[in-house]
Amino acid sequence: MPDPTISIDLAGVPLRTPVILAAGTAGTLDELSDVLDLSRIGGIVTKSITAEPREGNATWRIVPTPHGMLNAVGLANIGIDAFMKEYAPLVAGVPTTVIGSVSEFSVEGFVKVAAALGTLEEMPAVELNVSCPNVKHGCEFAADPNLLSELVREVRAVLPRTRLFVKLSPIAVGGTGIVAIARAAIEPRGGVPSGPNQRPGADALCIANTMPAMAIDVETRRPRLSRVTGGLSGPGIHPIAVKLVHDAYYGVCRDTRTPIVGIGGVLHWQDAAEFILAGATAVEIGTGLFVDPRCPIRVADGLARWTRRQRRKTLSDLVGAMEPPQDPSLGDSSDRG
């Protein structure tokens, strides 16, 4: 039986726990069911699907580091036509909520894939991956509020019944800033709801993707990834992601009532709890699955015990509940965001 303590509503999508398996880390759909009871997690995000099939980057495209995992898989996938033929009929049989992931390189490409996934009644939400650092121009939309606004507006128009989640990049920690990028996703210029009870923009934000990074073999003097650079995930980026969630929550998401999915270095329940206190409603686990594919269940169980120790009825009562610093001058809320 689901534990009501940690059951959540994510932008109108009910989840039995706040723990979701991140795109690209659990197979195309439900392959991880061989080692993980999917009925005990909140949801699973499919592999990011593009309009055409992609082989991805050459080996090596995943390497470990002392701080996490570097990957440059390159959005390898079977393409939307094959996905709709081979995997779409299986979605209804997956014993947890399935969220589709879309990645592309043009507005037209995103729209094509999102429109196809939007026809699946068993798939209540689609996640736009606008923040992949492992392909050329993979982070372009996540770095420019104007481009992102246009993209979200066009995709929203083809999803009249499907919730729209937007996965942002940690590169927003500098430059334009996470608040401006988040606002562009939530309130795109010229955006209009595509159906009843819909927003003009994103229903939820997923923060954040991997951090652009690289590694060099000092003996051969060659880059360890075939593509030279890739994305760093795991514990090394967790504090960065926590700050991004915090800034987005206080900067725009709290006022617009836009839920956040915290992503980055969740291996233990304490990592997830940090995201919740910073303003996230749910979390995604990716690198943690490579360490221990059963860790999502332990994370969910730990969150349930923590919620009860905090004397709260539900985990949702702890969203954004971080206490201010003891010295008020060190954390003025006016600086948040």
Protein backbone atom coordinates (compact mmCIF):
# COMPACT_ATOMS: atom_id res chain seq x y z
CA MET A 1 0.00 0.00 0.00
CA PRO A 2 1.29 3.52 -0.82
CA ASP A 3 2.41 5.52 2.20
CA PRO A 4 0.20 8.65 2.32
CA THR A 5 2.99 10.44 4.16
CA ILE A 6 5.03 10.68 0.96
CA SER A 7 2.34 10.48 -1.72
CA ILE A 8 2.43 13.72 -3.71
CA ASP A 9 0.65 15.65 -6.41
CA LEU A 10 3.11 16.85 -9.04
CA ALA A 11 1.32 19.47 -11.14
CA GLY A 12 -1.83 17.38 -11.19
CA VAL A 13 0.01 14.07 -11.64
CA PRO A 14 -0.44 11.84 -8.54
CA LEU A 15 2.69 9.93 -7.51
CA ARG A 16 2.87 7.30 -4.78
CA THR A 17 6.31 8.60 -3.75
CA PRO A 18 8.31 11.72 -4.69
CA VAL A 19 11.12 9.61 -6.14
CA ILE A 20 11.35 9.42 -9.95
CA LEU A 21 13.91 7.65 -12.14
CA ALA A 22 15.70 10.17 -14.36
CA ALA A 23 15.74 10.04 -18.16
CA GLY A 24 18.52 8.03 -19.74
CA THR A 25 19.39 6.09 -16.61
CA ALA A 26 16.76 3.34 -16.52
CA GLY A 27 16.61 2.18 -20.14
CA THR A 28 14.17 3.27 -22.80
CA LEU A 29 11.14 2.46 -20.66
CA ASP A 30 11.02 -0.15 -17.90
CA GLU A 31 14.16 -2.24 -18.35
CA LEU A 32 15.18 -1.56 -14.75
CA SER A 33 12.22 -3.66 -13.57
CA ASP A 34 14.57 -6.67 -13.60
CA VAL A 35 16.31 -5.32 -10.49
CA LEU A 36 13.87 -2.75 -9.04
CA ASP A 37 10.20 -3.08 -8.07
CA LEU A 38 8.79 -0.18 -10.09
CA SER A 39 5.50 -0.33 -8.19
CA ARG A 40 7.34 1.12 -5.18
CA ILE A 41 8.61 4.29 -6.87
CA GLY A 42 6.82 7.46 -7.88
CA GLY A 43 7.54 7.41 -11.58
CA ILE A 44 9.98 6.80 -14.39
CA VAL A 45 11.12 9.14 -17.15
CA THR A 46 11.74 7.48 -20.50
CA LYS A 47 14.98 7.79 -22.37
CA SER A 48 15.07 11.12 -24.19
CA ILE A 49 13.51 10.55 -27.59
CA THR A 50 14.38 12.50 -30.74
CA ALA A 51 12.59 12.75 -34.07
CA GLU A 52 15.11 10.52 -35.84
CA PRO A 53 17.13 7.57 -34.45
CA ARG A 54 20.52 8.45 -33.01
CA GLU A 55 23.50 6.17 -32.38
CA GLY A 56 25.03 8.64 -29.97
CA ASN A 57 28.70 9.32 -29.39
CA ALA A 58 31.55 6.84 -29.75
CA THR A 59 33.18 4.99 -26.85
CA TRP A 60 34.25 6.08 -24.31
CA ARG A 61 31.10 7.93 -23.42
CA ILE A 62 30.74 7.13 -19.72
CA VAL A 63 33.65 7.39 -17.28
CA PRO A 64 33.79 7.52 -13.47
CA THR A 65 35.44 10.35 -11.58
CA PRO A 66 36.10 10.86 -7.84
CA HIS A 67 33.24 13.37 -7.80
CA GLY A 68 30.59 11.54 -9.81
CA MET A 69 30.08 10.29 -13.34
CA LEU A 70 30.95 11.89 -16.65
CA ASN A 71 28.70 10.95 -19.53
CA ALA A 72 28.57 11.89 -23.18
CA VAL A 73 26.14 9.29 -24.47
CA GLY A 74 24.84 11.76 -27.02
CA LEU A 75 21.10 11.11 -26.84
CA ALA A 76 21.34 7.63 -28.32
CA ASN A 77 17.77 6.42 -28.94
CA ILE A 78 15.55 4.66 -31.45
CA GLY A 79 13.62 7.73 -32.62
CA ILE A 80 9.97 8.64 -32.15
CA ASP A 81 8.52 6.39 -34.87
CA ALA A 82 10.12 3.25 -33.45
CA PHE A 83 9.26 4.31 -29.89
CA MET A 84 5.59 4.72 -30.78
CA LYS A 85 5.55 1.33 -32.48
CA GLU A 86 7.62 -0.74 -30.05
CA TYR A 87 7.29 0.93 -26.64
CA ALA A 88 4.11 3.01 -26.59
CA PRO A 89 1.89 -0.10 -26.36
CA LEU A 90 3.84 -1.18 -23.24
CA VAL A 91 3.37 2.04 -21.25
CA ALA A 92 -0.01 1.00 -19.81
CA GLY A 93 1.58 -2.12 -18.31
CA VAL A 94 4.34 -0.29 -16.42
CA PRO A 95 3.40 -0.39 -12.69
CA THR A 96 4.28 3.26 -12.06
CA THR A 97 3.72 6.65 -13.66
CA VAL A 98 5.54 7.08 -16.97
CA ILE A 99 6.78 10.51 -18.06
CA GLY A 100 8.00 10.91 -21.63
CA SER A 101 11.29 12.70 -22.31
CA VAL A 102 11.79 14.76 -25.45
CA SER A 103 15.06 16.16 -26.75
CA GLU A 104 15.77 17.79 -30.09
CA PHE A 105 17.73 20.54 -31.80
CA SER A 106 14.95 22.67 -33.25
CA VAL A 107 11.50 23.87 -32.25
CA GLU A 108 10.00 21.78 -35.04
CA GLY A 109 11.75 18.65 -33.80
CA PHE A 110 10.60 19.15 -30.22
CA VAL A 111 7.04 19.75 -31.40
CA LYS A 112 6.99 16.61 -33.54
CA VAL A 113 8.14 14.31 -30.74
CA ALA A 114 6.02 15.97 -28.04
CA ALA A 115 2.90 15.82 -30.20
CA ALA A 116 3.35 12.07 -30.71
CA LEU A 117 3.88 11.38 -27.00
CA GLY A 118 0.91 13.60 -26.21
CA THR A 119 -1.41 11.10 -27.90
CA LEU A 120 -0.68 8.49 -25.22
CA GLU A 121 -3.41 8.62 -22.59
CA GLU A 122 -1.28 6.46 -20.27
CA MET A 123 1.50 9.10 -20.26
CA PRO A 124 0.29 12.05 -18.14
CA ALA A 125 3.35 14.27 -18.58
CA VAL A 126 6.16 15.07 -20.98
CA GLU A 127 9.57 16.37 -19.91
CA LEU A 128 11.39 18.66 -22.34
CA ASN A 129 15.11 18.02 -22.12
CA VAL A 130 16.44 21.41 -23.22
CA SER A 131 19.68 20.99 -21.29
CA CYS A 132 21.78 18.10 -22.62
CA PRO A 133 25.48 19.13 -22.64
CA ASN A 134 26.57 16.02 -24.54
CA VAL A 135 25.57 17.13 -28.04
CA LYS A 136 26.18 20.26 -30.09
CA HIS A 137 23.65 22.97 -29.22
CA GLY A 138 22.13 20.69 -26.56
CA CYS A 139 21.93 23.51 -23.99
CA GLU A 140 21.03 26.29 -26.41
CA PHE A 141 17.39 26.60 -25.37
CA ALA A 142 18.25 26.41 -21.66
CA ALA A 143 20.62 29.37 -21.94
CA ASP A 144 18.38 31.85 -23.77
CA PRO A 145 15.03 32.98 -22.27
CA ASN A 146 13.76 34.10 -25.66
CA LEU A 147 14.50 30.77 -27.36
CA LEU A 148 13.08 28.83 -24.43
CA SER A 149 9.95 30.97 -24.37
CA GLU A 150 9.32 30.28 -28.06
CA LEU A 151 9.94 26.55 -27.64
CA VAL A 152 7.64 26.16 -24.64
CA ARG A 153 4.90 28.15 -26.34
CA GLU A 154 4.98 25.94 -29.46
CA VAL A 155 5.17 22.66 -27.54
CA ARG A 156 2.37 23.70 -25.18
CA ALA A 157 0.10 24.14 -28.21
CA VAL A 158 0.33 20.44 -29.11
CA LEU A 159 -0.22 19.09 -25.59
CA PRO A 160 -3.86 19.88 -24.76
CA ARG A 161 -4.19 17.14 -22.14
CA THR A 162 -0.61 16.38 -21.14
CA ARG A 163 1.34 18.10 -18.37
CA LEU A 164 4.49 19.85 -19.55
CA PHE A 165 7.68 19.62 -17.50
CA VAL A 166 10.83 21.50 -18.56
CA LYS A 167 14.28 20.22 -17.57
CA LEU A 168 16.70 23.12 -17.11
CA SER A 169 20.48 23.28 -17.15
CA PRO A 170 22.90 24.15 -14.32
CA ILE A 171 24.66 26.53 -16.72
CA ALA A 172 21.94 28.99 -15.68
CA VAL A 173 23.77 29.40 -12.36
CA GLY A 174 25.78 32.07 -14.18
CA GLY A 175 25.03 34.30 -17.12
CA THR A 176 21.30 34.86 -17.52
CA GLY A 177 20.46 33.24 -14.21
CA ILE A 178 18.06 30.48 -13.21
CA VAL A 179 15.19 32.82 -12.29
CA ALA A 180 15.01 34.41 -15.75
CA ILE A 181 15.22 31.00 -17.45
CA ALA A 182 12.60 29.53 -15.12
CA ARG A 183 10.23 32.42 -15.70
CA ALA A 184 10.58 32.05 -19.48
CA ALA A 185 9.54 28.40 -19.15
CA ILE A 186 6.61 29.14 -16.83
CA GLU A 187 5.34 32.30 -18.51
CA PRO A 188 6.38 32.20 -22.18
CA ARG A 189 5.69 35.35 -24.13
CA GLY A 190 2.49 34.98 -26.13
CA GLY A 191 1.76 31.61 -24.55
CA VAL A 192 -1.82 30.47 -24.11
CA PRO A 193 -3.25 27.36 -22.42
CA SER A 194 -3.77 24.52 -24.88
CA GLY A 195 -6.57 22.87 -22.91
CA PRO A 196 -8.73 23.13 -19.80
CA ASN A 197 -6.85 23.51 -16.51
CA GLN A 198 -3.63 24.09 -18.44
CA ARG A 199 -1.02 26.79 -17.96
CA PRO A 200 0.39 28.82 -20.84
CA GLY A 201 3.82 27.38 -20.07
CA ALA A 202 5.50 24.71 -17.96
CA ASP A 203 3.44 22.91 -15.33
CA ALA A 204 6.64 21.95 -13.48
CA LEU A 205 10.38 22.54 -13.71
CA CYS A 206 13.06 19.87 -13.41
CA ILE A 207 16.27 21.35 -11.97
CA ALA A 208 18.88 20.49 -13.11
CA ASN A 209 20.63 18.45 -15.78
CA THR A 210 24.32 17.48 -15.73
CA MET A 211 27.06 20.10 -15.48
CA PRO A 212 29.31 20.52 -18.55
CA ALA A 213 32.68 19.01 -17.62
CA MET A 214 35.65 17.00 -18.87
CA ALA A 215 38.50 14.75 -17.73
CA ILE A 216 41.99 14.09 -19.12
CA ASP A 217 44.13 10.97 -18.86
CA VAL A 218 47.42 12.40 -17.64
CA GLU A 219 49.50 9.48 -18.99
CA THR A 220 48.18 9.49 -22.55
CA ARG A 221 47.39 13.22 -22.38
CA ARG A 222 44.12 12.49 -24.14
CA PRO A 223 40.59 13.39 -23.07
CA ARG A 224 38.87 10.47 -21.35
CA LEU A 225 35.63 11.02 -23.26
CA SER A 226 35.56 10.50 -27.03
CA ARG A 227 33.68 13.77 -27.41
CA VAL A 228 36.21 15.53 -25.13
CA THR A 229 33.50 17.08 -22.94
CA GLY A 230 30.32 15.71 -21.42
CA GLY A 231 28.10 16.15 -18.41
CA LEU A 232 29.03 15.59 -14.76
CA SER A 233 26.39 14.00 -12.54
CA GLY A 234 26.40 12.62 -9.03
CA PRO A 235 27.49 13.97 -5.63
CA GLY A 236 29.81 16.61 -7.09
CA ILE A 237 26.94 18.67 -8.49
CA HIS A 238 24.45 18.20 -5.65
CA PRO A 239 25.18 21.45 -3.77
CA ILE A 240 24.95 23.38 -7.04
CA ALA A 241 21.58 21.84 -7.84
CA VAL A 242 20.28 22.56 -4.32
CA LYS A 243 21.13 26.26 -4.78
CA LEU A 244 19.45 26.34 -8.19
CA VAL A 245 16.28 24.82 -6.74
CA HIS A 246 16.37 27.30 -3.85
CA ASP A 247 16.85 30.29 -6.17
CA ALA A 248 14.14 29.20 -8.59
CA TYR A 249 11.70 28.49 -5.76
CA TYR A 250 12.09 31.86 -4.06
CA GLY A 251 12.62 33.75 -7.31
CA VAL A 252 9.53 32.60 -9.21
CA CYS A 253 8.17 29.12 -8.49
CA ARG A 254 6.73 29.79 -5.04
CA ASP A 255 4.71 32.78 -6.25
CA THR A 256 3.51 31.04 -9.42
CA ARG A 257 2.84 27.76 -7.57
CA THR A 258 5.04 25.88 -9.99
CA PRO A 259 6.38 22.62 -8.54
CA ILE A 260 10.04 21.75 -8.91
CA VAL A 261 11.68 18.35 -9.37
CA GLY A 262 15.16 18.46 -7.83
CA ILE A 263 17.84 16.56 -9.77
CA GLY A 264 21.51 16.10 -9.00
CA GLY A 265 23.44 13.73 -6.78
CA VAL A 266 20.59 12.06 -4.89
CA LEU A 267 22.09 8.87 -3.48
CA HIS A 268 20.62 9.00 0.03
CA TRP A 269 17.39 10.24 1.58
CA GLN A 270 19.23 13.22 3.10
CA ASP A 271 20.10 14.43 -0.41
CA ALA A 272 16.44 14.29 -1.36
CA ALA A 273 15.42 16.01 1.88
CA GLU A 274 17.75 18.91 1.07
CA PHE A 275 15.97 19.39 -2.24
CA ILE A 276 12.57 19.32 -0.51
CA LEU A 277 13.61 21.96 2.04
CA ALA A 278 15.05 24.11 -0.76
CA GLY A 279 11.69 24.09 -2.56
CA ALA A 280 11.38 20.86 -4.57
CA THR A 281 8.20 18.78 -4.53
CA ALA A 282 9.87 15.66 -5.95
CA VAL A 283 13.32 14.38 -6.91
CA GLU A 284 14.82 12.38 -9.74
CA ILE A 285 17.58 9.83 -9.30
CA GLY A 286 20.01 9.04 -12.11
CA THR A 287 23.63 8.36 -11.14
CA GLY A 288 22.43 6.71 -7.93
CA LEU A 289 20.92 3.91 -10.05
CA PHE A 290 24.41 3.02 -11.31
CA VAL A 291 25.65 2.81 -7.72
CA ASP A 292 22.66 0.80 -6.45
CA PRO A 293 19.52 0.40 -8.57
CA ARG A 294 17.46 -0.20 -5.43
CA CYS A 295 18.41 3.10 -3.79
CA PRO A 296 15.15 4.85 -4.85
CA ILE A 297 13.20 2.65 -2.42
CA ARG A 298 15.59 3.45 0.43
CA VAL A 299 15.38 7.15 -0.38
CA ALA A 300 11.57 7.06 -0.30
CA ASP A 301 11.51 5.11 2.98
CA GLY A 302 13.98 7.53 4.53
CA LEU A 303 11.88 10.51 3.49
CA ALA A 304 8.81 8.95 5.11
CA ARG A 305 10.63 8.45 8.42
CA TRP A 306 12.08 11.97 8.26
CA THR A 307 8.64 13.49 7.65
CA ARG A 308 7.29 11.78 10.74
CA ARG A 309 10.27 12.88 12.82
CA GLN A 310 9.61 16.42 11.68
CA ARG A 311 6.02 15.98 12.97
CA ARG A 312 4.47 16.74 9.61
CA LYS A 313 1.49 14.88 8.18
CA THR A 314 2.86 14.83 4.65
CA LEU A 315 6.16 15.44 2.93
CA SER A 316 4.53 18.30 1.01
CA ASP A 317 4.38 20.24 4.28
CA LEU A 318 8.18 20.42 4.19
CA VAL A 319 8.52 21.87 0.68
CA GLY A 320 10.51 25.09 0.99
CA ALA A 321 10.54 24.78 4.79
CA MET A 322 14.22 25.60 5.25
CA GLU A 323 14.71 27.66 8.39
CA PRO A 324 16.47 31.04 7.96
CA PRO A 325 20.03 31.42 9.29
CA GLN A 326 20.43 32.38 12.93
CA ASP A 327 22.00 35.68 11.90
CA PRO A 328 19.34 37.40 9.74
CA SER A 329 21.99 39.53 8.03
CA LEU A 330 23.50 36.40 6.45
CA GLY A 331 20.43 35.30 4.56
CA ASP A 332 18.12 38.19 3.79
CA SER A 333 15.20 36.79 1.80
CA SER A 334 15.53 39.76 -0.55
CA ASP A 335 18.74 38.18 -1.84
CA ARG A 336 17.02 34.93 -2.76
CA GLY A 337 16.92 34.39 -6.48
